């Protein structure tokens, strides 16, 4: 099922006429990954990626629509289509040549978090031996842990992982820092304070599009995302979810 969310903004005088009259519809595929995409499975969607894409489309004078597909199939669709994109997607060496990395959504880190009330002496990956580490099923974090031979459990949602850590079932949670901040904020006063125990790697999360996308369209989207960052609008979007 497709849900139209981007409209041609021809009524905006600031947009060039050729941009406002673009007839191409970009397909956006997503996965429920708060705070980047919230409610992918039960729309209406919200989140950092959604707001950023909406504003980028408006700025570029392009149209887009969400297309609901299982995540693995969505990745294949985005790679094969002329106007297919994924969000959010972590940029990695294994994915580098598969996509056009069009719009930066976040540049932060993936880290191991522990309960602040039970600080663990984790200085290297070797210190994780015998500990229960949890991560999101099928995520780039899970891929990284596999590559580094770290034993861990994959859970269906980030909420499940945070819940296990909060209840003391898990000893450490491997996750993007922005995701951890969002889930703690979401819990409010009930939140169990957590702290970073070990930073694993710096990461960049993108709107990634298929390599068949025409250069002119990709450049317009890229320029729109650059405008979001340089204007401070991206920072304001992120702040609404984590501060």
C-alpha atoms as a PDB file:
ATOM      1  CA  UNK A   1       0.000   0.000   0.000  1.00  0.00           C
ATOM      2  CA  UNK A   2       1.350   3.411  -0.943  1.00  0.00           C
ATOM      3  CA  UNK A   3       0.793   6.580   1.051  1.00  0.00           C
ATOM      4  CA  UNK A   4       1.406   9.912  -0.655  1.00  0.00           C
ATOM      5  CA  UNK A   5       3.123  12.434   1.594  1.00  0.00           C
ATOM      6  CA  UNK A   6       5.051  14.776  -0.667  1.00  0.00           C
ATOM      7  CA  UNK A   7       3.223  17.242  -2.892  1.00  0.00           C
ATOM      8  CA  UNK A   8       4.495  19.329  -5.780  1.00  0.00           C
ATOM      9  CA  UNK A   9       4.974  22.738  -4.289  1.00  0.00           C
ATOM     10  CA  UNK A  10       4.427  24.810  -7.401  1.00  0.00           C
ATOM     11  CA  UNK A  11       2.676  27.500  -5.428  1.00  0.00           C
ATOM     12  CA  UNK A  12       5.911  28.486  -3.705  1.00  0.00           C
ATOM     13  CA  UNK A  13       7.455  31.347  -5.587  1.00  0.00           C
ATOM     14  CA  UNK A  14      10.920  30.561  -4.254  1.00  0.00           C
ATOM     15  CA  UNK A  15      11.075  27.310  -6.236  1.00  0.00           C
ATOM     16  CA  UNK A  16      12.320  27.267  -9.835  1.00  0.00           C
ATOM     17  CA  UNK A  17       9.523  26.473 -12.302  1.00  0.00           C
ATOM     18  CA  UNK A  18      11.241  23.363 -13.658  1.00  0.00           C
ATOM     19  CA  UNK A  19      11.609  22.012 -10.105  1.00  0.00           C
ATOM     20  CA  UNK A  20       8.003  22.671  -9.183  1.00  0.00           C
ATOM     21  CA  UNK A  21       6.809  20.876 -12.306  1.00  0.00           C
ATOM     22  CA  UNK A  22       8.810  17.682 -11.701  1.00  0.00           C
ATOM     23  CA  UNK A  23       6.643  14.685 -12.630  1.00  0.00           C
ATOM     24  CA  UNK A  24       8.765  12.005 -10.975  1.00  0.00           C
ATOM     25  CA  UNK A  25       7.564  10.400  -7.743  1.00  0.00           C
ATOM     26  CA  UNK A  26      10.304   9.123  -5.448  1.00  0.00           C
ATOM     27  CA  UNK A  27       9.476   5.959  -3.505  1.00  0.00           C
ATOM     28  CA  UNK A  28      10.640   6.001   0.109  1.00  0.00           C
ATOM     29  CA  UNK A  29      11.055   2.730   2.014  1.00  0.00           C
ATOM     30  CA  UNK A  30      11.546   2.719   5.771  1.00  0.00           C
ATOM     31  CA  UNK A  31      11.888   0.613   8.876  1.00  0.00           C
ATOM     32  CA  UNK A  32      10.515   1.431  12.310  1.00  0.00           C
ATOM     33  CA  UNK A  33      13.628   2.840  13.976  1.00  0.00           C
ATOM     34  CA  UNK A  34      12.813   5.576  16.517  1.00  0.00           C
ATOM     35  CA  UNK A  35      13.553   8.447  16.546  1.00  0.00           C
ATOM     36  CA  UNK A  36      14.350   8.391  12.805  1.00  0.00           C
ATOM     37  CA  UNK A  37      11.120   6.639  11.792  1.00  0.00           C
ATOM     38  CA  UNK A  38       8.320   6.145  14.321  1.00  0.00           C
ATOM     39  CA  UNK A  39       5.207   4.216  13.348  1.00  0.00           C
ATOM     40  CA  UNK A  40       6.401   2.624  10.105  1.00  0.00           C
ATOM     41  CA  UNK A  41       4.232  -0.399  10.871  1.00  0.00           C
ATOM     42  CA  UNK A  42       1.243   1.565  12.194  1.00  0.00           C
ATOM     43  CA  UNK A  43       1.008   4.917  10.354  1.00  0.00           C
ATOM     44  CA  UNK A  44       0.826   7.878  10.594  1.00  0.00           C
ATOM     45  CA  UNK A  45       4.584   7.999  10.606  1.00  0.00           C
ATOM     46  CA  UNK A  46       6.674  10.586  12.400  1.00  0.00           C
ATOM     47  CA  UNK A  47      10.337  10.972  13.182  1.00  0.00           C
ATOM     48  CA  UNK A  48      13.528  12.780  12.257  1.00  0.00           C
ATOM     49  CA  UNK A  49      13.876  11.142   8.843  1.00  0.00           C
ATOM     50  CA  UNK A  50      10.240  11.789   7.924  1.00  0.00           C
ATOM     51  CA  UNK A  51      10.393  15.489   8.820  1.00  0.00           C
ATOM     52  CA  UNK A  52      13.734  15.951   7.082  1.00  0.00           C
ATOM     53  CA  UNK A  53      12.533  14.230   3.897  1.00  0.00           C
ATOM     54  CA  UNK A  54       9.331  16.268   3.816  1.00  0.00           C
ATOM     55  CA  UNK A  55      11.265  19.518   4.078  1.00  0.00           C
ATOM     56  CA  UNK A  56      13.892  18.388   1.564  1.00  0.00           C
ATOM     57  CA  UNK A  57      11.193  17.508  -0.971  1.00  0.00           C
ATOM     58  CA  UNK A  58       9.543  20.885  -0.502  1.00  0.00           C
ATOM     59  CA  UNK A  59      12.851  22.702  -0.892  1.00  0.00           C
ATOM     60  CA  UNK A  60      13.780  20.696  -4.006  1.00  0.00           C
ATOM     61  CA  UNK A  61      10.304  20.822  -5.577  1.00  0.00           C
ATOM     62  CA  UNK A  62      10.013  17.029  -5.750  1.00  0.00           C
ATOM     63  CA  UNK A  63       7.269  14.521  -4.934  1.00  0.00           C
ATOM     64  CA  UNK A  64       7.518  11.372  -2.862  1.00  0.00           C
ATOM     65  CA  UNK A  65       5.462   8.589  -1.310  1.00  0.00           C
ATOM     66  CA  UNK A  66       6.036   5.918   1.295  1.00  0.00           C
ATOM     67  CA  UNK A  67       5.846   2.349   0.050  1.00  0.00           C
ATOM     68  CA  UNK A  68       5.300  -0.355   2.666  1.00  0.00           C
ATOM     69  CA  UNK A  69       7.439  -3.456   2.131  1.00  0.00           C
ATOM     70  CA  UNK A  70       9.413  -5.821   4.374  1.00  0.00           C
ATOM     71  CA  UNK A  71      12.835  -4.258   4.972  1.00  0.00           C
ATOM     72  CA  UNK A  72      14.925  -6.793   3.060  1.00  0.00           C
ATOM     73  CA  UNK A  73      12.665  -6.583   0.033  1.00  0.00           C
ATOM     74  CA  UNK A  74      12.627  -2.795   0.341  1.00  0.00           C
ATOM     75  CA  UNK A  75      16.415  -2.720   0.055  1.00  0.00           C
ATOM     76  CA  UNK A  76      16.269  -4.722  -3.171  1.00  0.00           C
ATOM     77  CA  UNK A  77      13.532  -2.463  -4.549  1.00  0.00           C
ATOM     78  CA  UNK A  78      15.452   0.702  -3.779  1.00  0.00           C
ATOM     79  CA  UNK A  79      18.527  -0.669  -5.524  1.00  0.00           C
ATOM     80  CA  UNK A  80      16.610  -1.718  -8.641  1.00  0.00           C
ATOM     81  CA  UNK A  81      14.296   1.281  -9.072  1.00  0.00           C
ATOM     82  CA  UNK A  82      15.128   4.527 -10.809  1.00  0.00           C
ATOM     83  CA  UNK A  83      13.418   6.544  -8.083  1.00  0.00           C
ATOM     84  CA  UNK A  84      13.773   4.402  -4.949  1.00  0.00           C
ATOM     85  CA  UNK A  85      15.252   5.468  -1.593  1.00  0.00           C
ATOM     86  CA  UNK A  86      15.714   4.051   1.914  1.00  0.00           C
ATOM     87  CA  UNK A  87      15.641   5.879   5.232  1.00  0.00           C
ATOM     88  CA  UNK A  88      17.219   5.561   7.670  1.00  0.00           C
ATOM     89  CA  UNK A  89      20.269   3.602   6.493  1.00  0.00           C
ATOM     90  CA  UNK A  90      23.657   3.470   8.199  1.00  0.00           C
ATOM     91  CA  UNK A  91      26.538   3.958   5.791  1.00  0.00           C
ATOM     92  CA  UNK A  92      29.033   1.088   5.935  1.00  0.00           C
ATOM     93  CA  UNK A  93      31.791  -0.443   3.836  1.00  0.00           C
ATOM     94  CA  UNK A  94      29.574  -3.359   2.802  1.00  0.00           C
ATOM     95  CA  UNK A  95      26.855  -0.983   1.559  1.00  0.00           C
ATOM     96  CA  UNK A  96      29.032   1.758   0.098  1.00  0.00           C
ATOM     97  CA  UNK A  97      28.787   0.775  -3.574  1.00  0.00           C
ATOM     98  CA  UNK A  98      25.125  -0.246  -3.450  1.00  0.00           C
ATOM     99  CA  UNK A  99      23.569   3.216  -3.038  1.00  0.00           C
ATOM    100  CA  UNK A 100      23.808   6.930  -3.652  1.00  0.00           C
ATOM    101  CA  UNK A 101      24.286   8.474  -0.212  1.00  0.00           C
ATOM    102  CA  UNK A 102      22.055  11.452  -0.828  1.00  0.00           C
ATOM    103  CA  UNK A 103      21.149  13.068   2.501  1.00  0.00           C
ATOM    104  CA  UNK A 104      22.906  12.941   5.865  1.00  0.00           C
ATOM    105  CA  UNK A 105      20.397  12.512   8.699  1.00  0.00           C
ATOM    106  CA  UNK A 106      22.771  12.069  11.631  1.00  0.00           C
ATOM    107  CA  UNK A 107      26.452  11.736  12.361  1.00  0.00           C
ATOM    108  CA  UNK A 108      27.102  10.317  15.824  1.00  0.00           C
ATOM    109  CA  UNK A 109      28.272   6.996  17.252  1.00  0.00           C
ATOM    110  CA  UNK A 110      27.309   3.445  18.070  1.00  0.00           C
ATOM    111  CA  UNK A 111      28.145   2.567  21.642  1.00  0.00           C
ATOM    112  CA  UNK A 112      27.636   0.070  24.426  1.00  0.00           C
ATOM    113  CA  UNK A 113      25.348   1.362  27.168  1.00  0.00           C
ATOM    114  CA  UNK A 114      24.966   0.038  30.705  1.00  0.00           C
ATOM    115  CA  UNK A 115      22.766   0.981  33.659  1.00  0.00           C
ATOM    116  CA  UNK A 116      24.131   3.998  35.503  1.00  0.00           C
ATOM    117  CA  UNK A 117      23.279   2.202  38.752  1.00  0.00           C
ATOM    118  CA  UNK A 118      25.373  -0.813  37.690  1.00  0.00           C
ATOM    119  CA  UNK A 119      28.418   0.655  35.916  1.00  0.00           C
ATOM    120  CA  UNK A 120      30.474  -2.078  34.296  1.00  0.00           C
ATOM    121  CA  UNK A 121      34.199  -2.019  33.681  1.00  0.00           C
ATOM    122  CA  UNK A 122      34.045  -2.455  29.902  1.00  0.00           C
ATOM    123  CA  UNK A 123      37.167  -1.097  28.253  1.00  0.00           C
ATOM    124  CA  UNK A 124      37.558  -3.543  25.371  1.00  0.00           C
ATOM    125  CA  UNK A 125      35.378  -6.092  23.596  1.00  0.00           C
ATOM    126  CA  UNK A 126      37.120  -8.828  25.566  1.00  0.00           C
ATOM    127  CA  UNK A 127      35.463  -7.464  28.708  1.00  0.00           C
ATOM    128  CA  UNK A 128      32.081  -8.515  27.286  1.00  0.00           C
ATOM    129  CA  UNK A 129      32.836 -12.205  27.774  1.00  0.00           C
ATOM    130  CA  UNK A 130      30.088 -13.767  29.876  1.00  0.00           C
ATOM    131  CA  UNK A 131      27.855 -10.707  29.641  1.00  0.00           C
ATOM    132  CA  UNK A 132      24.499 -10.501  27.871  1.00  0.00           C
ATOM    133  CA  UNK A 133      24.742  -7.927  25.092  1.00  0.00           C
ATOM    134  CA  UNK A 134      21.607  -6.974  23.145  1.00  0.00           C
ATOM    135  CA  UNK A 135      21.146  -5.217  19.789  1.00  0.00           C
ATOM    136  CA  UNK A 136      18.409  -4.628  17.217  1.00  0.00           C
ATOM    137  CA  UNK A 137      17.687  -7.550  14.893  1.00  0.00           C
ATOM    138  CA  UNK A 138      19.209  -7.076  11.424  1.00  0.00           C
ATOM    139  CA  UNK A 139      20.742  -3.695  12.239  1.00  0.00           C
ATOM    140  CA  UNK A 140      24.129  -2.303  11.240  1.00  0.00           C
ATOM    141  CA  UNK A 141      25.031  -2.606  14.917  1.00  0.00           C
ATOM    142  CA  UNK A 142      24.284  -6.322  14.805  1.00  0.00           C
ATOM    143  CA  UNK A 143      26.385  -6.602  11.645  1.00  0.00           C
ATOM    144  CA  UNK A 144      29.298  -4.878  13.387  1.00  0.00           C
ATOM    145  CA  UNK A 145      29.093  -7.166  16.420  1.00  0.00           C
ATOM    146  CA  UNK A 146      29.060 -10.226  14.146  1.00  0.00           C
ATOM    147  CA  UNK A 147      32.138  -8.961  12.312  1.00  0.00           C
ATOM    148  CA  UNK A 148      33.976  -8.504  15.606  1.00  0.00           C
ATOM    149  CA  UNK A 149      32.974 -11.922  16.992  1.00  0.00           C
ATOM    150  CA  UNK A 150      30.983 -10.523  19.904  1.00  0.00           C
ATOM    151  CA  UNK A 151      28.345 -12.870  21.319  1.00  0.00           C
ATOM    152  CA  UNK A 152      25.014 -11.050  21.557  1.00  0.00           C
ATOM    153  CA  UNK A 153      21.241 -11.435  21.357  1.00  0.00           C
ATOM    154  CA  UNK A 154      19.214  -9.809  18.563  1.00  0.00           C
ATOM    155  CA  UNK A 155      15.857  -8.390  19.652  1.00  0.00           C
ATOM    156  CA  UNK A 156      12.918  -7.357  17.418  1.00  0.00           C
ATOM    157  CA  UNK A 157      12.791  -3.693  18.505  1.00  0.00           C
ATOM    158  CA  UNK A 158      14.998  -1.096  20.158  1.00  0.00           C
ATOM    159  CA  UNK A 159      12.338  -0.794  22.877  1.00  0.00           C
ATOM    160  CA  UNK A 160      12.832  -4.489  23.695  1.00  0.00           C
ATOM    161  CA  UNK A 161      16.576  -3.956  24.016  1.00  0.00           C
ATOM    162  CA  UNK A 162      16.217  -0.925  26.286  1.00  0.00           C
ATOM    163  CA  UNK A 163      13.637  -2.789  28.398  1.00  0.00           C
ATOM    164  CA  UNK A 164      16.012  -5.728  28.926  1.00  0.00           C
ATOM    165  CA  UNK A 165      18.779  -3.376  29.990  1.00  0.00           C
ATOM    166  CA  UNK A 166      16.451  -1.416  32.308  1.00  0.00           C
ATOM    167  CA  UNK A 167      15.258  -4.616  33.990  1.00  0.00           C
ATOM    168  CA  UNK A 168      18.765  -5.948  34.453  1.00  0.00           C
ATOM    169  CA  UNK A 169      18.201  -8.867  32.070  1.00  0.00           C
ATOM    170  CA  UNK A 170      20.869  -7.527  29.703  1.00  0.00           C
ATOM    171  CA  UNK A 171      24.263  -6.281  30.845  1.00  0.00           C
ATOM    172  CA  UNK A 172      24.915  -4.006  27.863  1.00  0.00           C
ATOM    173  CA  UNK A 173      22.997  -2.526  24.946  1.00  0.00           C
ATOM    174  CA  UNK A 174      24.699  -1.831  21.613  1.00  0.00           C
ATOM    175  CA  UNK A 175      22.940   1.018  19.813  1.00  0.00           C
ATOM    176  CA  UNK A 176      23.185   4.398  18.085  1.00  0.00           C
ATOM    177  CA  UNK A 177      23.614   7.149  20.670  1.00  0.00           C
ATOM    178  CA  UNK A 178      20.665   9.147  19.302  1.00  0.00           C
ATOM    179  CA  UNK A 179      18.361   6.132  19.640  1.00  0.00           C
ATOM    180  CA  UNK A 180      19.413   5.630  23.256  1.00  0.00           C
ATOM    181  CA  UNK A 181      18.792   9.311  24.066  1.00  0.00           C
ATOM    182  CA  UNK A 182      15.344   9.205  22.467  1.00  0.00           C
ATOM    183  CA  UNK A 183      14.174   6.111  24.346  1.00  0.00           C
ATOM    184  CA  UNK A 184      15.361   7.481  27.696  1.00  0.00           C
ATOM    185  CA  UNK A 185      13.507  10.750  27.014  1.00  0.00           C
ATOM    186  CA  UNK A 186      10.384   8.824  25.972  1.00  0.00           C
ATOM    187  CA  UNK A 187      10.255   7.053  29.356  1.00  0.00           C
ATOM    188  CA  UNK A 188      10.369  10.359  31.219  1.00  0.00           C
ATOM    189  CA  UNK A 189      10.616  10.084  35.004  1.00  0.00           C
ATOM    190  CA  UNK A 190      10.247   6.309  34.817  1.00  0.00           C
ATOM    191  CA  UNK A 191      13.442   5.978  32.789  1.00  0.00           C
ATOM    192  CA  UNK A 192      16.317   3.993  34.205  1.00  0.00           C
ATOM    193  CA  UNK A 193      19.410   6.194  33.729  1.00  0.00           C
ATOM    194  CA  UNK A 194      21.989   4.662  31.428  1.00  0.00           C
ATOM    195  CA  UNK A 195      25.539   5.621  30.543  1.00  0.00           C
ATOM    196  CA  UNK A 196      27.970   4.978  27.734  1.00  0.00           C
ATOM    197  CA  UNK A 197      30.445   2.258  28.681  1.00  0.00           C
ATOM    198  CA  UNK A 198      32.365   1.871  25.413  1.00  0.00           C
ATOM    199  CA  UNK A 199      32.208   3.770  22.134  1.00  0.00           C
ATOM    200  CA  UNK A 200      32.369   1.249  19.290  1.00  0.00           C
ATOM    201  CA  UNK A 201      32.437   3.341  16.112  1.00  0.00           C
ATOM    202  CA  UNK A 202      31.487   6.664  14.583  1.00  0.00           C
ATOM    203  CA  UNK A 203      28.523   6.341  12.231  1.00  0.00           C
ATOM    204  CA  UNK A 204      26.567   8.299   9.646  1.00  0.00           C
ATOM    205  CA  UNK A 205      22.881   7.669   8.988  1.00  0.00           C
ATOM    206  CA  UNK A 206      21.533   8.650   5.572  1.00  0.00           C
ATOM    207  CA  UNK A 207      18.719   8.867   3.123  1.00  0.00           C
ATOM    208  CA  UNK A 208      20.178   6.434   0.579  1.00  0.00           C
ATOM    209  CA  UNK A 209      18.867   6.091  -2.976  1.00  0.00           C
ATOM    210  CA  UNK A 210      19.380   3.607  -5.795  1.00  0.00           C
ATOM    211  CA  UNK A 211      22.328   4.188  -8.095  1.00  0.00           C
ATOM    212  CA  UNK A 212      19.972   4.367 -11.076  1.00  0.00           C
ATOM    213  CA  UNK A 213      18.547   7.659  -9.838  1.00  0.00           C
ATOM    214  CA  UNK A 214      19.330  10.435 -12.353  1.00  0.00           C
ATOM    215  CA  UNK A 215      22.179  12.694 -11.302  1.00  0.00           C
ATOM    216  CA  UNK A 216      20.019  15.821 -11.541  1.00  0.00           C
ATOM    217  CA  UNK A 217      17.385  14.459  -9.137  1.00  0.00           C
ATOM    218  CA  UNK A 218      19.957  13.102  -6.692  1.00  0.00           C
ATOM    219  CA  UNK A 219      21.765  16.443  -6.715  1.00  0.00           C
ATOM    220  CA  UNK A 220      18.586  18.377  -5.985  1.00  0.00           C
ATOM    221  CA  UNK A 221      17.862  16.140  -3.015  1.00  0.00           C
ATOM    222  CA  UNK A 222      21.454  16.379  -1.821  1.00  0.00           C
ATOM    223  CA  UNK A 223      21.387  20.172  -2.076  1.00  0.00           C
ATOM    224  CA  UNK A 224      18.139  20.244  -0.105  1.00  0.00           C
ATOM    225  CA  UNK A 225      19.689  18.199   2.701  1.00  0.00           C
ATOM    226  CA  UNK A 226      22.705  20.496   2.692  1.00  0.00           C
ATOM    227  CA  UNK A 227      20.310  23.410   3.114  1.00  0.00           C
ATOM    228  CA  UNK A 228      18.671  21.636   6.068  1.00  0.00           C
ATOM    229  CA  UNK A 229      22.036  21.336   7.828  1.00  0.00           C
ATOM    230  CA  UNK A 230      23.387  24.776   6.977  1.00  0.00           C
ATOM    231  CA  UNK A 231      20.152  26.542   7.954  1.00  0.00           C
ATOM    232  CA  UNK A 232      20.083  24.785  11.331  1.00  0.00           C
ATOM    233  CA  UNK A 233      16.746  23.159  10.533  1.00  0.00           C
ATOM    234  CA  UNK A 234      18.125  19.609  10.846  1.00  0.00           C
ATOM    235  CA  UNK A 235      19.469  20.421  14.295  1.00  0.00           C
ATOM    236  CA  UNK A 236      16.061  21.776  15.313  1.00  0.00           C
ATOM    237  CA  UNK A 237      14.307  18.652  14.013  1.00  0.00           C
ATOM    238  CA  UNK A 238      16.631  16.364  15.983  1.00  0.00           C
ATOM    239  CA  UNK A 239      16.266  18.442  19.151  1.00  0.00           C
ATOM    240  CA  UNK A 240      12.494  17.939  19.166  1.00  0.00           C
ATOM    241  CA  UNK A 241      13.008  14.206  19.626  1.00  0.00           C
ATOM    242  CA  UNK A 242      15.965  13.924  22.002  1.00  0.00           C
ATOM    243  CA  UNK A 243      16.170  17.079  24.131  1.00  0.00           C
END
